[in-house]
Amino acid sequence: EGDASLAQPPRWTFDFGQEFSGHVHLHFPMVPAVTNFTLSHGEVLSHPPLKVQNEGTTTGETADYDGSVYMGNIFWANQTDIFQSGNSAGAISYQPRFTYHGFRYVELSIDPPLPAELAVNVTVENVVGINVRTAAREQTHLTIANPLLQKLHSNSWWTEASGLIGIPNGAAARGERAGWTGDAAFASESEAVDFDTAAFFAQYLQQLDDLSCHADGTLDNCVPNTDPRRDTLSAQNDPDTCSDLTSDPSWSTVLPTTAWNMWRYYGATNVIQKHYPKLQQYMATLGSRANKSGLANMRCAFGDWNPVVTTPCQIPA
């Protein structure tokens, strides 16, 4: 469900009221032949038309922002689906099967424009949001009397749900739509509380084990790697390649952190037993790289991510 509004030039913006992971089902009972439908998915809107203020005086000019879906904050993710109707006029029904997006808003543009008698009938019934995520059972329900705290909890829940897509994802909407290990470690505890993620994280721990450097147990910052060439067996056994796999320690902590949470929330001693040799290898590597001050002498890529005040990278690492 959502609200639809018409922006100029003719395009429709649909507000689903909540950001989520998934896609939309596009349906029209009648469209002309060979009509192109473009669906742009975003988290926010450009600012609505605003009067420009110059030294406190409002002029008749308007800002450039027109209330359309804003795509500038999702980095290199191209959250756009394009569909073309057939060679004959008639009904259409389209739903992507091999992708998903993170979005609250969808902008629909149609080229060539629909005839006026069809355009006036475009409603929220034509674009239906489909929530897509791993089928981990929801296992907690929290109701808070304070509306602000309830909304914060709801935002957290939807963020967790949108990150459960086969592997833990850094973000559903943006270029970080991949298995960033720092995000996975940080979110694994709250996701274990709100969802039954025992099977989900058991398989991810196996991926971490399989794709770690076999020589020293270190990991890359993203598992599976965003470069598929790094995820081959030969790459994991190649000492030269492994030297490039060493992640920021704050990110590679995903291995002990996730294993710990599996034991803490599910009593999964079998998981600890299975991956204990890799955990020992990883901890031994950290210990071997510690200098006299106790700080690990490892490559530091991120440290305290996005700090208000910059901290030397090796300290949080």
C-alpha atoms as a PDB file:
ATOM      1  CA  GLU A   1       0.000   0.000   0.000  1.00  0.00           C
ATOM      2  CA  GLY A   2       1.085   3.594  -0.473  1.00  0.00           C
ATOM      3  CA  ASP A   3       0.290   7.044  -1.776  1.00  0.00           C
ATOM      4  CA  ALA A   4       0.760   8.194  -5.346  1.00  0.00           C
ATOM      5  CA  SER A   5       1.423  11.709  -6.544  1.00  0.00           C
ATOM      6  CA  LEU A   6       2.026  13.101 -10.021  1.00  0.00           C
ATOM      7  CA  ALA A   7       5.218  15.035 -10.641  1.00  0.00           C
ATOM      8  CA  GLN A   8       5.955  17.150 -13.683  1.00  0.00           C
ATOM      9  CA  PRO A   9       6.860  16.180 -16.370  1.00  0.00           C
ATOM     10  CA  PRO A  10       4.454  13.208 -16.238  1.00  0.00           C
ATOM     11  CA  ARG A  11       5.800  10.671 -13.802  1.00  0.00           C
ATOM     12  CA  TRP A  12       4.281   9.180 -10.695  1.00  0.00           C
ATOM     13  CA  THR A  13       5.891   8.916  -7.290  1.00  0.00           C
ATOM     14  CA  PHE A  14       4.663   6.160  -4.974  1.00  0.00           C
ATOM     15  CA  ASP A  15       5.260   6.378  -1.231  1.00  0.00           C
ATOM     16  CA  PHE A  16       5.094   3.026   0.574  1.00  0.00           C
ATOM     17  CA  GLY A  17       5.379   4.659   3.997  1.00  0.00           C
ATOM     18  CA  GLN A  18       8.304   2.499   5.115  1.00  0.00           C
ATOM     19  CA  GLU A  19      11.674   1.611   3.657  1.00  0.00           C
ATOM     20  CA  PHE A  20      12.044  -2.113   3.008  1.00  0.00           C
ATOM     21  CA  SER A  21      13.889  -4.582   0.800  1.00  0.00           C
ATOM     22  CA  GLY A  22      12.210  -6.032  -2.246  1.00  0.00           C
ATOM     23  CA  HIS A  23      10.723  -4.851  -5.514  1.00  0.00           C
ATOM     24  CA  VAL A  24       7.354  -3.890  -6.970  1.00  0.00           C
ATOM     25  CA  HIS A  25       4.700  -5.629  -9.011  1.00  0.00           C
ATOM     26  CA  LEU A  26       3.628  -3.416 -11.909  1.00  0.00           C
ATOM     27  CA  HIS A  27       0.165  -4.043 -13.337  1.00  0.00           C
ATOM     28  CA  PHE A  28      -1.942  -2.142 -15.875  1.00  0.00           C
ATOM     29  CA  PRO A  29      -5.189  -3.453 -17.419  1.00  0.00           C
ATOM     30  CA  MET A  30      -4.531  -1.593 -20.675  1.00  0.00           C
ATOM     31  CA  VAL A  31      -1.480   0.089 -22.196  1.00  0.00           C
ATOM     32  CA  PRO A  32      -0.510   0.912 -25.790  1.00  0.00           C
ATOM     33  CA  ALA A  33       1.897  -1.344 -27.666  1.00  0.00           C
ATOM     34  CA  VAL A  34       5.673  -0.941 -27.183  1.00  0.00           C
ATOM     35  CA  THR A  35       5.471   1.309 -24.129  1.00  0.00           C
ATOM     36  CA  ASN A  36       8.532   1.708 -21.884  1.00  0.00           C
ATOM     37  CA  PHE A  37       8.076   1.691 -18.093  1.00  0.00           C
ATOM     38  CA  THR A  38      10.954   2.875 -15.906  1.00  0.00           C
ATOM     39  CA  LEU A  39      10.854   2.256 -12.146  1.00  0.00           C
ATOM     40  CA  SER A  40      13.380   4.197 -10.036  1.00  0.00           C
ATOM     41  CA  HIS A  41      13.697   3.134  -6.380  1.00  0.00           C
ATOM     42  CA  GLY A  42      14.972   5.462  -3.658  1.00  0.00           C
ATOM     43  CA  GLU A  43      15.085   6.114   0.075  1.00  0.00           C
ATOM     44  CA  VAL A  44      14.146   9.798  -0.009  1.00  0.00           C
ATOM     45  CA  LEU A  45      12.600  12.446  -2.227  1.00  0.00           C
ATOM     46  CA  SER A  46      14.205  15.531  -3.627  1.00  0.00           C
ATOM     47  CA  HIS A  47      12.945  18.568  -1.766  1.00  0.00           C
ATOM     48  CA  PRO A  48       9.503  19.701  -2.889  1.00  0.00           C
ATOM     49  CA  PRO A  49       9.318  22.972  -4.819  1.00  0.00           C
ATOM     50  CA  LEU A  50      10.569  25.751  -2.553  1.00  0.00           C
ATOM     51  CA  LYS A  51      10.605  29.495  -2.917  1.00  0.00           C
ATOM     52  CA  VAL A  52      14.158  30.804  -2.986  1.00  0.00           C
ATOM     53  CA  GLN A  53      15.010  33.143  -0.128  1.00  0.00           C
ATOM     54  CA  ASN A  54      17.578  35.859  -0.726  1.00  0.00           C
ATOM     55  CA  GLU A  55      18.648  37.693   2.433  1.00  0.00           C
ATOM     56  CA  GLY A  56      15.308  36.970   4.036  1.00  0.00           C
ATOM     57  CA  THR A  57      13.279  38.008   1.011  1.00  0.00           C
ATOM     58  CA  THR A  58      11.221  35.361  -0.779  1.00  0.00           C
ATOM     59  CA  THR A  59      11.381  35.624  -4.552  1.00  0.00           C
ATOM     60  CA  GLY A  60       9.183  34.059  -7.181  1.00  0.00           C
ATOM     61  CA  GLU A  61      11.909  31.614  -8.199  1.00  0.00           C
ATOM     62  CA  THR A  62      11.783  27.974  -7.185  1.00  0.00           C
ATOM     63  CA  ALA A  63      14.582  25.617  -6.242  1.00  0.00           C
ATOM     64  CA  ASP A  64      15.756  22.933  -8.656  1.00  0.00           C
ATOM     65  CA  TYR A  65      14.366  20.107  -6.523  1.00  0.00           C
ATOM     66  CA  ASP A  66      10.997  18.932  -7.781  1.00  0.00           C
ATOM     67  CA  GLY A  67       9.874  16.242  -5.349  1.00  0.00           C
ATOM     68  CA  SER A  68      11.043  13.341  -7.516  1.00  0.00           C
ATOM     69  CA  VAL A  69      12.818  10.269  -6.144  1.00  0.00           C
ATOM     70  CA  TYR A  70      16.378  11.187  -5.149  1.00  0.00           C
ATOM     71  CA  MET A  71      19.077   8.776  -6.328  1.00  0.00           C
ATOM     72  CA  GLY A  72      22.171  10.688  -5.240  1.00  0.00           C
ATOM     73  CA  ASN A  73      22.682   8.994  -1.859  1.00  0.00           C
ATOM     74  CA  ILE A  74      22.846   5.361  -2.976  1.00  0.00           C
ATOM     75  CA  PHE A  75      26.369   5.556  -4.419  1.00  0.00           C
ATOM     76  CA  TRP A  76      26.917   3.214  -7.361  1.00  0.00           C
ATOM     77  CA  ALA A  77      23.737   1.169  -6.911  1.00  0.00           C
ATOM     78  CA  ASN A  78      21.482   1.626  -9.925  1.00  0.00           C
ATOM     79  CA  GLN A  79      18.082   0.851  -8.461  1.00  0.00           C
ATOM     80  CA  THR A  80      16.225   1.122 -11.740  1.00  0.00           C
ATOM     81  CA  ASP A  81      14.056  -1.445 -13.512  1.00  0.00           C
ATOM     82  CA  ILE A  82      12.995  -0.961 -17.143  1.00  0.00           C
ATOM     83  CA  PHE A  83      10.172  -2.905 -18.749  1.00  0.00           C
ATOM     84  CA  GLN A  84       8.745  -2.715 -22.265  1.00  0.00           C
ATOM     85  CA  SER A  85       5.262  -3.862 -23.174  1.00  0.00           C
ATOM     86  CA  GLY A  86       4.617  -6.123 -26.163  1.00  0.00           C
ATOM     87  CA  ASN A  87       3.797  -5.356 -29.763  1.00  0.00           C
ATOM     88  CA  SER A  88       0.071  -5.285 -29.102  1.00  0.00           C
ATOM     89  CA  ALA A  89      -2.006  -3.105 -26.819  1.00  0.00           C
ATOM     90  CA  GLY A  90      -3.346  -4.856 -23.752  1.00  0.00           C
ATOM     91  CA  ALA A  91      -2.762  -5.683 -20.093  1.00  0.00           C
ATOM     92  CA  ILE A  92       0.728  -5.932 -18.624  1.00  0.00           C
ATOM     93  CA  SER A  93       2.058  -7.531 -15.451  1.00  0.00           C
ATOM     94  CA  TYR A  94       5.740  -7.195 -14.520  1.00  0.00           C
ATOM     95  CA  GLN A  95       7.734  -8.221 -11.471  1.00  0.00           C
ATOM     96  CA  PRO A  96      11.549  -8.677 -11.438  1.00  0.00           C
ATOM     97  CA  ARG A  97      12.772 -12.088 -10.303  1.00  0.00           C
ATOM     98  CA  PHE A  98      16.551 -11.740 -10.098  1.00  0.00           C
ATOM     99  CA  THR A  99      17.075  -8.513  -8.208  1.00  0.00           C
ATOM    100  CA  TYR A 100      15.884  -6.583  -5.201  1.00  0.00           C
ATOM    101  CA  HIS A 101      16.131  -3.002  -3.989  1.00  0.00           C
ATOM    102  CA  GLY A 102      15.970  -1.073  -0.748  1.00  0.00           C
ATOM    103  CA  PHE A 103      13.424   1.712  -0.993  1.00  0.00           C
ATOM    104  CA  ARG A 104      10.495   3.643   0.370  1.00  0.00           C
ATOM    105  CA  TYR A 105       9.702   5.562  -2.817  1.00  0.00           C
ATOM    106  CA  VAL A 106       9.287   4.428  -6.411  1.00  0.00           C
ATOM    107  CA  GLU A 107       9.117   6.788  -9.344  1.00  0.00           C
ATOM    108  CA  LEU A 108       7.314   5.537 -12.444  1.00  0.00           C
ATOM    109  CA  SER A 109       7.883   7.164 -15.815  1.00  0.00           C
ATOM    110  CA  ILE A 110       6.196   6.017 -19.010  1.00  0.00           C
ATOM    111  CA  ASP A 111       7.455   6.629 -22.548  1.00  0.00           C
ATOM    112  CA  PRO A 112       5.734   7.446 -24.758  1.00  0.00           C
ATOM    113  CA  PRO A 113       3.275   9.051 -22.327  1.00  0.00           C
ATOM    114  CA  LEU A 114      -0.003   7.273 -21.765  1.00  0.00           C
ATOM    115  CA  PRO A 115      -3.053   8.706 -23.466  1.00  0.00           C
ATOM    116  CA  ALA A 116      -4.872  11.132 -21.187  1.00  0.00           C
ATOM    117  CA  GLU A 117      -7.798   8.762 -20.644  1.00  0.00           C
ATOM    118  CA  LEU A 118      -5.378   6.123 -19.276  1.00  0.00           C
ATOM    119  CA  ALA A 119      -3.020   8.451 -17.416  1.00  0.00           C
ATOM    120  CA  VAL A 120      -5.760   9.830 -15.185  1.00  0.00           C
ATOM    121  CA  ASN A 121      -6.469   6.318 -13.908  1.00  0.00           C
ATOM    122  CA  VAL A 122      -2.934   5.572 -12.607  1.00  0.00           C
ATOM    123  CA  THR A 123      -3.284   4.755  -8.878  1.00  0.00           C
ATOM    124  CA  VAL A 124      -1.504   2.885  -6.089  1.00  0.00           C
ATOM    125  CA  GLU A 125      -3.228  -0.268  -7.312  1.00  0.00           C
ATOM    126  CA  ASN A 126      -0.941  -0.271 -10.358  1.00  0.00           C
ATOM    127  CA  VAL A 127       2.283  -0.517  -8.317  1.00  0.00           C
ATOM    128  CA  VAL A 128       2.365  -2.961  -5.386  1.00  0.00           C
ATOM    129  CA  GLY A 129       5.379  -3.272  -3.076  1.00  0.00           C
ATOM    130  CA  ILE A 130       6.703  -6.810  -2.507  1.00  0.00           C
ATOM    131  CA  ASN A 131       8.850  -7.315   0.607  1.00  0.00           C
ATOM    132  CA  VAL A 132      11.728  -9.767  -0.020  1.00  0.00           C
ATOM    133  CA  ARG A 133      14.104 -11.158   2.609  1.00  0.00           C
ATOM    134  CA  THR A 134      15.424 -14.398   4.011  1.00  0.00           C
ATOM    135  CA  ALA A 135      12.567 -16.361   5.589  1.00  0.00           C
ATOM    136  CA  ALA A 136      13.953 -16.140   9.118  1.00  0.00           C
ATOM    137  CA  ARG A 137      11.101 -16.448  11.609  1.00  0.00           C
ATOM    138  CA  GLU A 138      10.357 -13.310  13.597  1.00  0.00           C
ATOM    139  CA  GLN A 139      10.642 -14.273  17.267  1.00  0.00           C
ATOM    140  CA  THR A 140      10.217 -11.068  19.270  1.00  0.00           C
ATOM    141  CA  HIS A 141       7.414  -8.534  19.477  1.00  0.00           C
ATOM    142  CA  LEU A 142       8.047  -5.339  21.398  1.00  0.00           C
ATOM    143  CA  THR A 143       5.462  -2.675  22.197  1.00  0.00           C
ATOM    144  CA  ILE A 144       6.633   0.572  23.801  1.00  0.00           C
ATOM    145  CA  ALA A 145       4.363   3.249  25.214  1.00  0.00           C
ATOM    146  CA  ASN A 146       6.712   6.021  24.125  1.00  0.00           C
ATOM    147  CA  PRO A 147       6.015   6.716  20.407  1.00  0.00           C
ATOM    148  CA  LEU A 148       9.569   7.888  19.711  1.00  0.00           C
ATOM    149  CA  LEU A 149      11.144   4.760  21.211  1.00  0.00           C
ATOM    150  CA  GLN A 150       8.609   2.592  19.382  1.00  0.00           C
ATOM    151  CA  LYS A 151       9.567   4.227  16.084  1.00  0.00           C
ATOM    152  CA  LEU A 152      13.270   3.766  16.793  1.00  0.00           C
ATOM    153  CA  HIS A 153      12.657   0.080  17.488  1.00  0.00           C
ATOM    154  CA  SER A 154      10.611  -0.216  14.294  1.00  0.00           C
ATOM    155  CA  ASN A 155      13.381   1.409  12.265  1.00  0.00           C
ATOM    156  CA  SER A 156      15.899  -1.001  13.774  1.00  0.00           C
ATOM    157  CA  TRP A 157      13.675  -3.999  12.999  1.00  0.00           C
ATOM    158  CA  TRP A 158      13.221  -3.011   9.354  1.00  0.00           C
ATOM    159  CA  THR A 159      16.950  -2.352   8.980  1.00  0.00           C
ATOM    160  CA  GLU A 160      17.708  -5.842  10.303  1.00  0.00           C
ATOM    161  CA  ALA A 161      15.046  -7.461   8.120  1.00  0.00           C
ATOM    162  CA  SER A 162      16.291  -5.684   5.004  1.00  0.00           C
ATOM    163  CA  GLY A 163      19.824  -6.919   5.675  1.00  0.00           C
ATOM    164  CA  LEU A 164      18.859 -10.600   5.719  1.00  0.00           C
ATOM    165  CA  ILE A 165      19.128 -11.478   2.039  1.00  0.00           C
ATOM    166  CA  GLY A 166      20.869 -14.845   1.810  1.00  0.00           C
ATOM    167  CA  ILE A 167      23.926 -13.292   3.451  1.00  0.00           C
ATOM    168  CA  PRO A 168      24.151 -10.341   5.864  1.00  0.00           C
ATOM    169  CA  ASN A 169      24.046  -7.207   3.716  1.00  0.00           C
ATOM    170  CA  GLY A 170      25.602  -3.871   4.600  1.00  0.00           C
ATOM    171  CA  ALA A 171      22.629  -1.927   3.200  1.00  0.00           C
ATOM    172  CA  ALA A 172      19.639  -2.855   1.084  1.00  0.00           C
ATOM    173  CA  ALA A 173      19.524   0.346  -0.950  1.00  0.00           C
ATOM    174  CA  ARG A 174      23.072   1.444  -1.555  1.00  0.00           C
ATOM    175  CA  GLY A 175      26.309   0.296  -3.106  1.00  0.00           C
ATOM    176  CA  GLU A 176      27.081  -1.601   0.113  1.00  0.00           C
ATOM    177  CA  ARG A 177      24.510  -4.207  -0.871  1.00  0.00           C
ATOM    178  CA  ALA A 178      27.074  -6.927  -0.210  1.00  0.00           C
ATOM    179  CA  GLY A 179      28.446  -9.053   2.630  1.00  0.00           C
ATOM    180  CA  TRP A 180      30.406  -6.426   4.520  1.00  0.00           C
ATOM    181  CA  THR A 181      31.815  -8.266   7.502  1.00  0.00           C
ATOM    182  CA  GLY A 182      31.874  -5.289   9.872  1.00  0.00           C
ATOM    183  CA  ASP A 183      28.135  -4.766   9.374  1.00  0.00           C
ATOM    184  CA  ALA A 184      27.462  -8.480   9.767  1.00  0.00           C
ATOM    185  CA  ALA A 185      29.349  -8.639  13.074  1.00  0.00           C
ATOM    186  CA  PHE A 186      27.673  -5.536  14.462  1.00  0.00           C
ATOM    187  CA  ALA A 187      24.142  -6.639  13.549  1.00  0.00           C
ATOM    188  CA  SER A 188      24.429 -10.344  14.359  1.00  0.00           C
ATOM    189  CA  GLU A 189      23.364  -9.966  17.999  1.00  0.00           C
ATOM    190  CA  SER A 190      20.224  -7.881  17.431  1.00  0.00           C
ATOM    191  CA  GLU A 191      19.270 -10.088  14.478  1.00  0.00           C
ATOM    192  CA  ALA A 192      19.658 -13.164  16.674  1.00  0.00           C
ATOM    193  CA  VAL A 193      17.244 -11.586  19.155  1.00  0.00           C
ATOM    194  CA  ASP A 194      14.577 -10.423  16.694  1.00  0.00           C
ATOM    195  CA  PHE A 195      14.771 -13.309  14.208  1.00  0.00           C
ATOM    196  CA  ASP A 196      15.560 -17.016  14.247  1.00  0.00           C
ATOM    197  CA  THR A 197      18.903 -16.666  12.460  1.00  0.00           C
ATOM    198  CA  ALA A 198      20.487 -19.921  13.647  1.00  0.00           C
ATOM    199  CA  ALA A 199      20.529 -21.514  10.181  1.00  0.00           C
ATOM    200  CA  PHE A 200      21.240 -18.176   8.498  1.00  0.00           C
ATOM    201  CA  PHE A 201      24.420 -17.481  10.455  1.00  0.00           C
ATOM    202  CA  ALA A 202      25.487 -21.135  10.503  1.00  0.00           C
ATOM    203  CA  GLN A 203      25.778 -21.038   6.714  1.00  0.00           C
ATOM    204  CA  TYR A 204      27.471 -17.618   6.820  1.00  0.00           C
ATOM    205  CA  LEU A 205      30.063 -18.889   9.279  1.00  0.00           C
ATOM    206  CA  GLN A 206      30.771 -21.689   6.829  1.00  0.00           C
ATOM    207  CA  GLN A 207      31.311 -19.104   4.093  1.00  0.00           C
ATOM    208  CA  LEU A 208      33.663 -17.170   6.371  1.00  0.00           C
ATOM    209  CA  ASP A 209      35.596 -20.368   7.060  1.00  0.00           C
ATOM    210  CA  ASP A 210      35.715 -21.394   3.409  1.00  0.00           C
ATOM    211  CA  LEU A 211      36.749 -17.972   2.099  1.00  0.00           C
ATOM    212  CA  SER A 212      39.328 -17.100   4.746  1.00  0.00           C
ATOM    213  CA  CYS A 213      43.020 -17.226   4.004  1.00  0.00           C
ATOM    214  CA  HIS A 214      44.050 -20.825   4.631  1.00  0.00           C
ATOM    215  CA  ALA A 215      47.534 -19.746   5.679  1.00  0.00           C
ATOM    216  CA  ASP A 216      46.627 -17.510   8.622  1.00  0.00           C
ATOM    217  CA  GLY A 217      42.821 -17.415   8.994  1.00  0.00           C
ATOM    218  CA  THR A 218      42.446 -13.756   7.998  1.00  0.00           C
ATOM    219  CA  LEU A 219      39.417 -12.498   6.087  1.00  0.00           C
ATOM    220  CA  ASP A 220      38.591  -9.852   3.559  1.00  0.00           C
ATOM    221  CA  ASN A 221      36.357  -6.911   4.438  1.00  0.00           C
ATOM    222  CA  CYS A 222      33.570  -8.363   2.318  1.00  0.00           C
ATOM    223  CA  VAL A 223      32.490 -12.028   2.291  1.00  0.00           C
ATOM    224  CA  PRO A 224      31.619 -13.155  -0.319  1.00  0.00           C
ATOM    225  CA  ASN A 225      34.171 -10.860  -1.910  1.00  0.00           C
ATOM    226  CA  THR A 226      32.982  -8.179  -4.305  1.00  0.00           C
ATOM    227  CA  ASP A 227      35.778  -9.389  -6.591  1.00  0.00           C
ATOM    228  CA  PRO A 228      34.801 -12.990  -7.497  1.00  0.00           C
ATOM    229  CA  ARG A 229      38.409 -13.809  -8.405  1.00  0.00           C
ATOM    230  CA  ARG A 230      39.286 -13.569  -4.703  1.00  0.00           C
ATOM    231  CA  ASP A 231      36.779 -16.270  -3.784  1.00  0.00           C
ATOM    232  CA  THR A 232      38.471 -19.161  -5.568  1.00  0.00           C
ATOM    233  CA  LEU A 233      40.190 -22.022  -3.778  1.00  0.00           C
ATOM    234  CA  SER A 234      43.509 -21.178  -5.446  1.00  0.00           C
ATOM    235  CA  ALA A 235      43.251 -17.602  -4.178  1.00  0.00           C
ATOM    236  CA  GLN A 236      42.723 -18.786  -0.608  1.00  0.00           C
ATOM    237  CA  ASN A 237      45.808 -21.000  -0.842  1.00  0.00           C
ATOM    238  CA  ASP A 238      48.044 -18.415  -2.496  1.00  0.00           C
ATOM    239  CA  PRO A 239      50.147 -16.592   0.143  1.00  0.00           C
ATOM    240  CA  ASP A 240      50.517 -13.559  -2.138  1.00  0.00           C
ATOM    241  CA  THR A 241      46.766 -13.280  -2.629  1.00  0.00           C
ATOM    242  CA  CYS A 242      46.160 -13.907   1.060  1.00  0.00           C
ATOM    243  CA  SER A 243      48.355 -10.951   1.942  1.00  0.00           C
ATOM    244  CA  ASP A 244      45.771  -8.771   0.204  1.00  0.00           C
ATOM    245  CA  LEU A 245      42.874 -10.458   1.984  1.00  0.00           C
ATOM    246  CA  THR A 246      43.824  -9.172   5.419  1.00  0.00           C
ATOM    247  CA  SER A 247      40.880  -7.056   6.535  1.00  0.00           C
ATOM    248  CA  ASP A 248      40.592  -4.325   9.083  1.00  0.00           C
ATOM    249  CA  PRO A 249      40.566  -6.174  12.449  1.00  0.00           C
ATOM    250  CA  SER A 250      37.312  -4.434  13.349  1.00  0.00           C
ATOM    251  CA  TRP A 251      35.772  -6.119  10.301  1.00  0.00           C
ATOM    252  CA  SER A 252      37.349  -9.569  10.554  1.00  0.00           C
ATOM    253  CA  THR A 253      36.034  -9.871  14.113  1.00  0.00           C
ATOM    254  CA  VAL A 254      32.892 -11.138  12.385  1.00  0.00           C
ATOM    255  CA  LEU A 255      34.278 -14.659  12.790  1.00  0.00           C
ATOM    256  CA  PRO A 256      34.552 -14.815  16.614  1.00  0.00           C
ATOM    257  CA  THR A 257      31.659 -12.381  17.164  1.00  0.00           C
ATOM    258  CA  THR A 258      29.147 -14.330  15.095  1.00  0.00           C
ATOM    259  CA  ALA A 259      30.284 -17.656  16.532  1.00  0.00           C
ATOM    260  CA  TRP A 260      29.934 -16.239  20.046  1.00  0.00           C
ATOM    261  CA  ASN A 261      26.401 -15.011  19.362  1.00  0.00           C
ATOM    262  CA  MET A 262      25.445 -18.369  17.889  1.00  0.00           C
ATOM    263  CA  TRP A 263      26.473 -20.011  21.164  1.00  0.00           C
ATOM    264  CA  ARG A 264      25.030 -17.285  23.386  1.00  0.00           C
ATOM    265  CA  TYR A 265      21.551 -17.130  21.819  1.00  0.00           C
ATOM    266  CA  TYR A 266      21.117 -20.636  20.395  1.00  0.00           C
ATOM    267  CA  GLY A 267      23.455 -22.763  22.474  1.00  0.00           C
ATOM    268  CA  ALA A 268      25.055 -23.888  19.218  1.00  0.00           C
ATOM    269  CA  THR A 269      28.087 -25.655  20.652  1.00  0.00           C
ATOM    270  CA  ASN A 270      28.309 -27.698  17.447  1.00  0.00           C
ATOM    271  CA  VAL A 271      29.024 -24.510  15.518  1.00  0.00           C
ATOM    272  CA  ILE A 272      31.833 -23.589  17.905  1.00  0.00           C
ATOM    273  CA  GLN A 273      33.294 -27.100  17.649  1.00  0.00           C
ATOM    274  CA  LYS A 274      33.144 -27.045  13.862  1.00  0.00           C
ATOM    275  CA  HIS A 275      34.917 -23.705  13.467  1.00  0.00           C
ATOM    276  CA  TYR A 276      37.192 -23.876  16.520  1.00  0.00           C
ATOM    277  CA  PRO A 277      40.359 -24.632  14.503  1.00  0.00           C
ATOM    278  CA  LYS A 278      39.730 -21.567  12.331  1.00  0.00           C
ATOM    279  CA  LEU A 279      39.021 -19.426  15.404  1.00  0.00           C
ATOM    280  CA  GLN A 280      42.279 -20.595  16.987  1.00  0.00           C
ATOM    281  CA  GLN A 281      44.194 -19.823  13.817  1.00  0.00           C
ATOM    282  CA  TYR A 282      42.651 -16.358  13.550  1.00  0.00           C
ATOM    283  CA  MET A 283      43.362 -15.467  17.193  1.00  0.00           C
ATOM    284  CA  ALA A 284      46.940 -16.729  16.881  1.00  0.00           C
ATOM    285  CA  THR A 285      47.440 -14.471  13.878  1.00  0.00           C
ATOM    286  CA  LEU A 286      46.176 -11.451  15.830  1.00  0.00           C
ATOM    287  CA  GLY A 287      48.508 -12.290  18.692  1.00  0.00           C
ATOM    288  CA  SER A 288      51.512 -12.672  16.396  1.00  0.00           C
ATOM    289  CA  ARG A 289      50.945  -9.210  14.931  1.00  0.00           C
ATOM    290  CA  ALA A 290      50.585  -7.325  18.204  1.00  0.00           C
ATOM    291  CA  ASN A 291      53.369  -4.847  18.881  1.00  0.00           C
ATOM    292  CA  LYS A 292      54.759  -3.851  22.269  1.00  0.00           C
ATOM    293  CA  SER A 293      51.919  -1.408  22.978  1.00  0.00           C
ATOM    294  CA  GLY A 294      49.367  -4.171  22.485  1.00  0.00           C
ATOM    295  CA  LEU A 295      47.970  -2.669  19.282  1.00  0.00           C
ATOM    296  CA  ALA A 296      47.698  -5.122  16.437  1.00  0.00           C
ATOM    297  CA  ASN A 297      50.160  -4.409  13.653  1.00  0.00           C
ATOM    298  CA  MET A 298      47.661  -5.179  10.891  1.00  0.00           C
ATOM    299  CA  ARG A 299      46.376  -3.302   7.908  1.00  0.00           C
ATOM    300  CA  CYS A 300      43.846  -0.750   9.109  1.00  0.00           C
ATOM    301  CA  ALA A 301      41.317   0.192   6.458  1.00  0.00           C
ATOM    302  CA  PHE A 302      38.386   1.686   8.345  1.00  0.00           C
ATOM    303  CA  GLY A 303      39.047   1.914  12.083  1.00  0.00           C
ATOM    304  CA  ASP A 304      36.311   3.862  13.850  1.00  0.00           C
ATOM    305  CA  TRP A 305      34.034   4.189  10.845  1.00  0.00           C
ATOM    306  CA  ASN A 306      32.720   7.718  10.170  1.00  0.00           C
ATOM    307  CA  PRO A 307      33.850   9.220  13.498  1.00  0.00           C
ATOM    308  CA  VAL A 308      32.897  12.733  14.573  1.00  0.00           C
ATOM    309  CA  VAL A 309      36.480  13.173  15.753  1.00  0.00           C
ATOM    310  CA  THR A 310      39.130  11.202  13.906  1.00  0.00           C
ATOM    311  CA  THR A 311      40.897   8.558  15.997  1.00  0.00           C
ATOM    312  CA  PRO A 312      44.165   6.975  14.845  1.00  0.00           C
ATOM    313  CA  CYS A 313      43.070   3.946  12.867  1.00  0.00           C
ATOM    314  CA  GLN A 314      45.117   1.404  14.808  1.00  0.00           C
ATOM    315  CA  ILE A 315      43.447   2.221  18.144  1.00  0.00           C
ATOM    316  CA  PRO A 316      39.901   1.027  17.377  1.00  0.00           C
ATOM    317  CA  ALA A 317      41.354  -1.717  15.149  1.00  0.00           C
END
